[in-house]
């Protein structure tokens, strides 16, 4: 197992389905990057100071699935199928469906980049379109 601390830039764009406009978040921080024999993991503090864990398996065909854990719950991103998750909102538990449109993970030596495009649905209704990027900063 290898563990390193790296500088990252996290960007997220959200386009809401029910309203015009959206949100843009950008955050530079430090992350703990773990490379194990069967998977890789990255942990960092988001813009609100909450811990985010990203975990993915190293597959020879590079058809990754990505798990994101936060205080509110666990989200799984897999381009081959829609995933159902439970998300804890301030109003209570929500059953969500995640449709991953694009997932790319590039690991070269210590450098890493995650590019993720996905849609979230609640009871079949689109909540929003999400673009997420995590970029190694050196």
N, C-alpha and C. Protein backbone atom coordinates (compact mmCIF):
# COMPACT_ATOMS: atom_id res chain seq x y z
N UNK A 1 0.84 -1.18 0.00
CA UNK A 1 0.00 0.00 0.00
C UNK A 1 0.88 1.24 0.00
N UNK A 2 0.51 2.19 -0.82
CA UNK A 2 1.17 3.49 -0.84
C UNK A 2 0.19 4.56 -0.41
N UNK A 3 0.65 5.49 0.44
CA UNK A 3 -0.18 6.61 0.84
C UNK A 3 0.62 7.89 0.62
N UNK A 4 -0.02 8.85 -0.06
CA UNK A 4 0.63 10.13 -0.32
C UNK A 4 -0.38 11.24 -0.10
N UNK A 5 0.13 12.39 0.27
CA UNK A 5 -0.73 13.56 0.33
C UNK A 5 -0.48 14.38 -0.92
N UNK A 6 -1.56 14.76 -1.61
CA UNK A 6 -1.44 15.50 -2.86
C UNK A 6 -2.36 16.71 -2.83
N UNK A 7 -2.01 17.71 -3.63
CA UNK A 7 -2.85 18.89 -3.80
C UNK A 7 -3.82 18.63 -4.95
N UNK A 8 -5.10 18.96 -4.74
CA UNK A 8 -6.11 18.74 -5.77
C UNK A 8 -6.98 19.98 -5.96
N UNK A 9 -7.59 20.05 -7.12
CA UNK A 9 -8.61 21.05 -7.44
C UNK A 9 -9.89 20.27 -7.73
N UNK A 10 -10.97 20.61 -7.04
CA UNK A 10 -12.26 19.97 -7.26
C UNK A 10 -13.21 21.02 -7.84
N UNK A 11 -13.83 20.69 -8.96
CA UNK A 11 -14.80 21.58 -9.60
C UNK A 11 -16.09 20.81 -9.80
N UNK A 12 -17.21 21.50 -9.56
CA UNK A 12 -18.50 20.87 -9.84
C UNK A 12 -19.46 21.92 -10.39
N UNK A 13 -20.12 21.56 -11.48
CA UNK A 13 -21.16 22.38 -12.08
C UNK A 13 -22.47 21.61 -11.98
N UNK A 14 -23.52 22.31 -11.56
CA UNK A 14 -24.84 21.70 -11.44
C UNK A 14 -25.83 22.52 -12.26
N UNK A 15 -26.58 21.83 -13.12
CA UNK A 15 -27.66 22.46 -13.88
C UNK A 15 -28.95 21.82 -13.42
N UNK A 16 -29.78 22.60 -12.72
CA UNK A 16 -31.02 22.07 -12.14
C UNK A 16 -32.10 21.94 -13.20
N UNK A 17 -32.90 20.90 -13.11
CA UNK A 17 -33.94 20.64 -14.10
C UNK A 17 -35.14 21.56 -13.94
N UNK A 18 -35.49 21.93 -12.72
CA UNK A 18 -36.72 22.67 -12.45
C UNK A 18 -36.53 24.18 -12.42
N UNK A 19 -35.30 24.67 -12.59
CA UNK A 19 -35.08 26.11 -12.52
C UNK A 19 -33.97 26.52 -13.47
N UNK A 20 -34.02 27.78 -13.87
CA UNK A 20 -32.98 28.31 -14.76
C UNK A 20 -31.69 28.47 -13.97
N UNK A 21 -30.59 28.34 -14.67
CA UNK A 21 -29.29 28.52 -14.04
C UNK A 21 -28.82 27.28 -13.31
N UNK A 22 -27.85 27.48 -12.45
CA UNK A 22 -27.28 26.36 -11.71
C UNK A 22 -26.25 26.87 -10.74
N UNK A 23 -25.38 26.00 -10.31
CA UNK A 23 -24.33 26.34 -9.35
C UNK A 23 -22.99 25.88 -9.88
N UNK A 24 -21.94 26.61 -9.46
CA UNK A 24 -20.56 26.24 -9.78
C UNK A 24 -19.77 26.29 -8.49
N UNK A 25 -19.06 25.22 -8.20
CA UNK A 25 -18.21 25.14 -7.02
C UNK A 25 -16.79 24.83 -7.47
N UNK A 26 -15.83 25.48 -6.82
CA UNK A 26 -14.41 25.21 -7.09
C UNK A 26 -13.68 25.27 -5.76
N UNK A 27 -12.81 24.29 -5.52
CA UNK A 27 -12.18 24.17 -4.21
C UNK A 27 -10.80 23.53 -4.36
N UNK A 28 -9.77 24.20 -3.85
CA UNK A 28 -8.42 23.63 -3.81
C UNK A 28 -8.16 23.14 -2.40
N UNK A 29 -7.61 21.93 -2.29
CA UNK A 29 -7.38 21.35 -0.98
C UNK A 29 -6.30 20.26 -1.07
N UNK A 30 -5.99 19.69 0.07
CA UNK A 30 -5.08 18.55 0.14
C UNK A 30 -5.90 17.27 0.25
N UNK A 31 -5.38 16.20 -0.30
CA UNK A 31 -6.07 14.91 -0.26
C UNK A 31 -5.08 13.81 0.12
N UNK A 32 -5.58 12.81 0.80
CA UNK A 32 -4.81 11.59 1.04
C UNK A 32 -5.14 10.62 -0.08
N UNK A 33 -4.11 10.18 -0.78
CA UNK A 33 -4.25 9.31 -1.95
C UNK A 33 -3.65 7.95 -1.61
N UNK A 34 -4.46 6.90 -1.65
CA UNK A 34 -4.04 5.55 -1.32
C UNK A 34 -4.06 4.69 -2.58
N UNK A 35 -2.98 3.99 -2.83
CA UNK A 35 -2.93 3.02 -3.91
C UNK A 35 -2.69 1.65 -3.29
N UNK A 36 -3.69 0.79 -3.42
CA UNK A 36 -3.59 -0.57 -2.91
C UNK A 36 -3.55 -1.52 -4.08
N UNK A 37 -3.37 -2.79 -3.81
CA UNK A 37 -3.23 -3.75 -4.91
C UNK A 37 -4.54 -3.94 -5.69
N UNK A 38 -5.69 -3.77 -5.05
CA UNK A 38 -6.96 -4.02 -5.73
C UNK A 38 -7.79 -2.77 -6.00
N UNK A 39 -7.49 -1.66 -5.34
CA UNK A 39 -8.26 -0.44 -5.57
C UNK A 39 -7.44 0.79 -5.17
N UNK A 40 -7.94 1.94 -5.57
CA UNK A 40 -7.36 3.23 -5.18
C UNK A 40 -8.42 4.01 -4.42
N UNK A 41 -7.96 4.89 -3.52
CA UNK A 41 -8.88 5.67 -2.71
C UNK A 41 -8.30 7.06 -2.50
N UNK A 42 -9.17 8.04 -2.47
CA UNK A 42 -8.75 9.41 -2.25
C UNK A 42 -9.71 10.04 -1.25
N UNK A 43 -9.19 10.70 -0.22
CA UNK A 43 -10.02 11.34 0.80
C UNK A 43 -9.62 12.80 0.92
N UNK A 44 -10.65 13.67 0.98
CA UNK A 44 -10.39 15.10 1.11
C UNK A 44 -11.56 15.78 1.82
N UNK A 45 -11.34 17.02 2.23
CA UNK A 45 -12.39 17.84 2.84
C UNK A 45 -13.01 18.71 1.75
N UNK A 46 -14.35 18.70 1.67
CA UNK A 46 -15.01 19.52 0.65
C UNK A 46 -15.06 20.99 1.09
N UNK A 47 -15.70 21.81 0.30
CA UNK A 47 -15.75 23.26 0.54
C UNK A 47 -16.44 23.59 1.87
N UNK A 48 -17.28 22.67 2.38
CA UNK A 48 -17.97 22.85 3.66
C UNK A 48 -17.25 22.19 4.83
N UNK A 49 -16.06 21.63 4.57
CA UNK A 49 -15.30 20.98 5.62
C UNK A 49 -15.71 19.55 5.92
N UNK A 50 -16.56 18.97 5.08
CA UNK A 50 -17.00 17.59 5.26
C UNK A 50 -16.08 16.64 4.48
N UNK A 51 -15.84 15.47 5.03
CA UNK A 51 -14.96 14.50 4.39
C UNK A 51 -15.65 13.80 3.23
N UNK A 52 -14.94 13.69 2.12
CA UNK A 52 -15.39 12.98 0.94
C UNK A 52 -14.38 11.87 0.66
N UNK A 53 -14.87 10.66 0.42
CA UNK A 53 -14.02 9.53 0.06
C UNK A 53 -14.40 9.07 -1.34
N UNK A 54 -13.42 8.96 -2.22
CA UNK A 54 -13.62 8.39 -3.56
C UNK A 54 -12.86 7.07 -3.60
N UNK A 55 -13.49 6.04 -4.15
CA UNK A 55 -12.85 4.72 -4.23
C UNK A 55 -13.17 4.11 -5.58
N UNK A 56 -12.15 3.53 -6.22
CA UNK A 56 -12.34 2.87 -7.51
C UNK A 56 -11.38 1.70 -7.62
N UNK A 57 -11.80 0.71 -8.38
CA UNK A 57 -10.96 -0.45 -8.62
C UNK A 57 -10.17 -0.24 -9.89
N UNK A 58 -8.94 -0.69 -9.87
CA UNK A 58 -8.09 -0.62 -11.05
C UNK A 58 -8.44 -1.80 -11.95
N UNK A 59 -9.07 -1.51 -13.06
CA UNK A 59 -9.45 -2.56 -14.00
C UNK A 59 -8.60 -2.47 -15.25
N UNK A 60 -8.21 -3.60 -15.77
CA UNK A 60 -7.37 -3.63 -16.96
C UNK A 60 -8.06 -2.98 -18.15
N UNK A 61 -9.39 -3.13 -18.24
CA UNK A 61 -10.10 -2.55 -19.39
C UNK A 61 -10.47 -1.08 -19.17
N UNK A 62 -10.15 -0.53 -18.01
CA UNK A 62 -10.40 0.87 -17.66
C UNK A 62 -11.89 1.23 -17.65
N UNK A 63 -12.76 0.23 -17.53
CA UNK A 63 -14.19 0.47 -17.36
C UNK A 63 -14.46 0.57 -15.86
N UNK A 64 -14.17 1.73 -15.32
CA UNK A 64 -14.24 1.94 -13.88
C UNK A 64 -15.68 2.09 -13.39
N UNK A 65 -15.87 1.81 -12.12
CA UNK A 65 -17.01 2.32 -11.38
C UNK A 65 -16.40 3.09 -10.21
N UNK A 66 -17.11 4.10 -9.76
CA UNK A 66 -16.59 5.00 -8.73
C UNK A 66 -17.58 5.06 -7.59
N UNK A 67 -17.08 4.94 -6.38
CA UNK A 67 -17.91 5.09 -5.19
C UNK A 67 -17.52 6.39 -4.51
N UNK A 68 -18.51 7.23 -4.16
CA UNK A 68 -18.28 8.47 -3.45
C UNK A 68 -19.05 8.39 -2.13
N UNK A 69 -18.32 8.48 -1.02
CA UNK A 69 -18.96 8.46 0.31
C UNK A 69 -18.85 9.84 0.94
N UNK A 70 -19.97 10.29 1.47
CA UNK A 70 -20.04 11.54 2.20
C UNK A 70 -20.93 11.32 3.42
N UNK A 71 -21.05 12.32 4.27
CA UNK A 71 -21.91 12.23 5.44
C UNK A 71 -23.34 11.86 5.04
N UNK A 72 -23.81 12.40 3.92
CA UNK A 72 -25.19 12.19 3.48
C UNK A 72 -25.44 10.79 2.93
N UNK A 73 -24.41 10.06 2.61
CA UNK A 73 -24.60 8.72 2.09
C UNK A 73 -23.54 8.35 1.06
N UNK A 74 -23.84 7.28 0.34
CA UNK A 74 -22.91 6.71 -0.63
C UNK A 74 -23.55 6.79 -2.01
N UNK A 75 -22.77 7.25 -2.98
CA UNK A 75 -23.22 7.29 -4.37
C UNK A 75 -22.29 6.41 -5.19
N UNK A 76 -22.87 5.65 -6.12
CA UNK A 76 -22.08 4.78 -6.98
C UNK A 76 -22.31 5.21 -8.41
N UNK A 77 -21.21 5.40 -9.14
CA UNK A 77 -21.26 5.85 -10.53
C UNK A 77 -20.71 4.74 -11.41
N UNK A 78 -21.54 4.27 -12.33
CA UNK A 78 -21.17 3.18 -13.23
C UNK A 78 -21.84 3.44 -14.58
N UNK A 79 -21.05 3.73 -15.61
CA UNK A 79 -21.64 4.04 -16.92
C UNK A 79 -22.46 2.89 -17.52
N UNK A 80 -22.27 1.67 -17.04
CA UNK A 80 -22.97 0.53 -17.64
C UNK A 80 -24.38 0.33 -17.10
N UNK A 81 -24.73 0.99 -15.98
CA UNK A 81 -26.07 0.81 -15.44
C UNK A 81 -26.47 1.95 -14.49
N UNK A 82 -27.77 2.20 -14.41
CA UNK A 82 -28.32 3.18 -13.48
C UNK A 82 -28.24 2.60 -12.07
N UNK A 83 -27.81 3.40 -11.11
CA UNK A 83 -27.66 2.94 -9.73
C UNK A 83 -28.69 3.62 -8.83
N UNK A 84 -29.23 2.86 -7.89
CA UNK A 84 -30.17 3.39 -6.89
C UNK A 84 -29.42 3.55 -5.57
N UNK A 85 -29.62 4.71 -4.93
CA UNK A 85 -28.95 5.00 -3.66
C UNK A 85 -29.93 5.70 -2.73
N UNK A 86 -29.61 5.67 -1.44
CA UNK A 86 -30.36 6.44 -0.45
C UNK A 86 -29.50 7.61 -0.02
N UNK A 87 -30.05 8.80 -0.09
CA UNK A 87 -29.33 10.03 0.21
C UNK A 87 -30.04 10.73 1.36
N UNK A 88 -29.31 11.12 2.39
CA UNK A 88 -29.90 11.80 3.54
C UNK A 88 -29.88 13.31 3.31
N UNK A 89 -31.05 13.87 3.06
CA UNK A 89 -31.19 15.32 2.89
C UNK A 89 -31.68 15.91 4.21
N UNK A 90 -31.66 17.24 4.35
CA UNK A 90 -32.21 17.85 5.57
C UNK A 90 -33.69 17.48 5.80
N UNK A 91 -34.41 17.16 4.73
CA UNK A 91 -35.83 16.79 4.85
C UNK A 91 -36.02 15.30 5.14
N UNK A 92 -34.95 14.52 5.13
CA UNK A 92 -35.05 13.08 5.37
C UNK A 92 -34.43 12.28 4.24
N UNK A 93 -34.63 10.97 4.29
CA UNK A 93 -34.03 10.06 3.31
C UNK A 93 -34.73 10.17 1.96
N UNK A 94 -33.93 10.23 0.90
CA UNK A 94 -34.44 10.26 -0.47
C UNK A 94 -33.91 9.05 -1.22
N UNK A 95 -34.77 8.40 -1.97
CA UNK A 95 -34.34 7.35 -2.88
C UNK A 95 -34.01 7.97 -4.22
N UNK A 96 -32.76 7.91 -4.62
CA UNK A 96 -32.31 8.54 -5.86
C UNK A 96 -31.82 7.50 -6.85
N UNK A 97 -31.91 7.85 -8.13
CA UNK A 97 -31.30 7.05 -9.18
C UNK A 97 -30.21 7.90 -9.83
N UNK A 98 -29.06 7.28 -10.07
CA UNK A 98 -27.93 7.98 -10.69
C UNK A 98 -27.65 7.35 -12.04
N UNK A 99 -27.69 8.18 -13.08
CA UNK A 99 -27.34 7.75 -14.44
C UNK A 99 -25.99 8.38 -14.77
N UNK A 100 -24.95 7.57 -14.89
CA UNK A 100 -23.61 8.06 -15.20
C UNK A 100 -23.46 8.13 -16.71
N UNK A 101 -23.25 9.35 -17.21
CA UNK A 101 -23.09 9.55 -18.65
C UNK A 101 -21.64 9.41 -19.09
N UNK A 102 -20.71 9.77 -18.20
CA UNK A 102 -19.28 9.71 -18.56
C UNK A 102 -18.48 9.57 -17.27
N UNK A 103 -17.54 8.65 -17.26
CA UNK A 103 -16.62 8.48 -16.14
C UNK A 103 -15.25 8.16 -16.70
N UNK A 104 -14.29 9.02 -16.36
CA UNK A 104 -12.91 8.79 -16.80
C UNK A 104 -12.00 9.01 -15.59
N UNK A 105 -11.15 8.04 -15.34
CA UNK A 105 -10.17 8.13 -14.26
C UNK A 105 -8.81 7.88 -14.88
N UNK A 106 -7.91 8.83 -14.71
CA UNK A 106 -6.56 8.71 -15.25
C UNK A 106 -5.59 8.73 -14.08
N UNK A 107 -4.82 7.67 -13.95
CA UNK A 107 -3.77 7.59 -12.93
C UNK A 107 -2.45 7.35 -13.64
N UNK A 108 -1.55 8.31 -13.53
CA UNK A 108 -0.21 8.17 -14.10
C UNK A 108 0.76 8.58 -13.00
N UNK A 109 1.53 7.62 -12.53
CA UNK A 109 2.44 7.82 -11.40
C UNK A 109 1.64 8.39 -10.24
N UNK A 110 2.02 9.57 -9.72
CA UNK A 110 1.30 10.19 -8.60
C UNK A 110 0.16 11.08 -9.07
N UNK A 111 0.03 11.28 -10.35
CA UNK A 111 -0.96 12.22 -10.88
C UNK A 111 -2.29 11.51 -11.10
N UNK A 112 -3.37 12.22 -10.79
CA UNK A 112 -4.69 11.63 -10.93
C UNK A 112 -5.66 12.68 -11.45
N UNK A 113 -6.60 12.21 -12.26
CA UNK A 113 -7.69 13.07 -12.73
C UNK A 113 -8.96 12.23 -12.80
N UNK A 114 -10.04 12.77 -12.26
CA UNK A 114 -11.35 12.12 -12.32
C UNK A 114 -12.29 13.08 -13.03
N UNK A 115 -12.94 12.61 -14.09
CA UNK A 115 -13.94 13.39 -14.82
C UNK A 115 -15.23 12.59 -14.79
N UNK A 116 -16.30 13.22 -14.31
CA UNK A 116 -17.56 12.53 -14.10
C UNK A 116 -18.72 13.41 -14.54
N UNK A 117 -19.59 12.87 -15.36
CA UNK A 117 -20.82 13.55 -15.78
C UNK A 117 -21.97 12.61 -15.46
N UNK A 118 -22.96 13.12 -14.71
CA UNK A 118 -24.06 12.26 -14.30
C UNK A 118 -25.35 13.05 -14.12
N UNK A 119 -26.46 12.31 -14.09
CA UNK A 119 -27.78 12.88 -13.84
C UNK A 119 -28.37 12.20 -12.62
N UNK A 120 -29.09 12.98 -11.81
CA UNK A 120 -29.76 12.43 -10.64
C UNK A 120 -31.27 12.57 -10.82
N UNK A 121 -31.97 11.46 -10.53
CA UNK A 121 -33.43 11.41 -10.62
C UNK A 121 -34.01 11.05 -9.26
N UNK A 122 -35.20 11.57 -8.97
CA UNK A 122 -35.97 11.18 -7.80
C UNK A 122 -37.36 10.78 -8.28
N UNK A 123 -37.72 9.54 -8.07
CA UNK A 123 -39.00 8.99 -8.51
C UNK A 123 -39.23 9.23 -10.01
N UNK A 124 -38.17 9.06 -10.79
CA UNK A 124 -38.26 9.20 -12.24
C UNK A 124 -38.18 10.62 -12.76
N UNK A 125 -38.15 11.62 -11.88
CA UNK A 125 -38.07 13.02 -12.30
C UNK A 125 -36.63 13.51 -12.19
N UNK A 126 -36.15 14.13 -13.24
CA UNK A 126 -34.78 14.65 -13.26
C UNK A 126 -34.63 15.78 -12.25
N UNK A 127 -33.64 15.66 -11.38
CA UNK A 127 -33.31 16.73 -10.42
C UNK A 127 -32.30 17.67 -11.05
N UNK A 128 -31.25 17.10 -11.69
CA UNK A 128 -30.23 17.95 -12.29
C UNK A 128 -29.17 17.15 -13.01
N UNK A 129 -28.37 17.90 -13.77
CA UNK A 129 -27.20 17.37 -14.48
C UNK A 129 -25.96 17.87 -13.75
N UNK A 130 -25.01 16.98 -13.52
CA UNK A 130 -23.84 17.29 -12.71
C UNK A 130 -22.57 16.99 -13.49
N UNK A 131 -21.62 17.93 -13.43
CA UNK A 131 -20.28 17.74 -13.98
C UNK A 131 -19.30 17.88 -12.82
N UNK A 132 -18.47 16.87 -12.60
CA UNK A 132 -17.53 16.84 -11.48
C UNK A 132 -16.14 16.57 -12.04
N UNK A 133 -15.16 17.35 -11.58
CA UNK A 133 -13.76 17.10 -11.96
C UNK A 133 -12.89 17.20 -10.72
N UNK A 134 -11.97 16.26 -10.61
CA UNK A 134 -10.94 16.31 -9.59
C UNK A 134 -9.61 16.25 -10.33
N UNK A 135 -8.77 17.24 -10.11
CA UNK A 135 -7.54 17.37 -10.88
C UNK A 135 -6.35 17.47 -9.93
N UNK A 136 -5.35 16.65 -10.16
CA UNK A 136 -4.09 16.71 -9.42
C UNK A 136 -3.41 18.05 -9.70
N UNK A 137 -2.95 18.74 -8.65
CA UNK A 137 -2.34 20.06 -8.82
C UNK A 137 -0.83 20.07 -8.61
N UNK A 138 -0.25 18.97 -8.21
CA UNK A 138 1.20 18.92 -8.05
C UNK A 138 1.67 19.13 -6.64
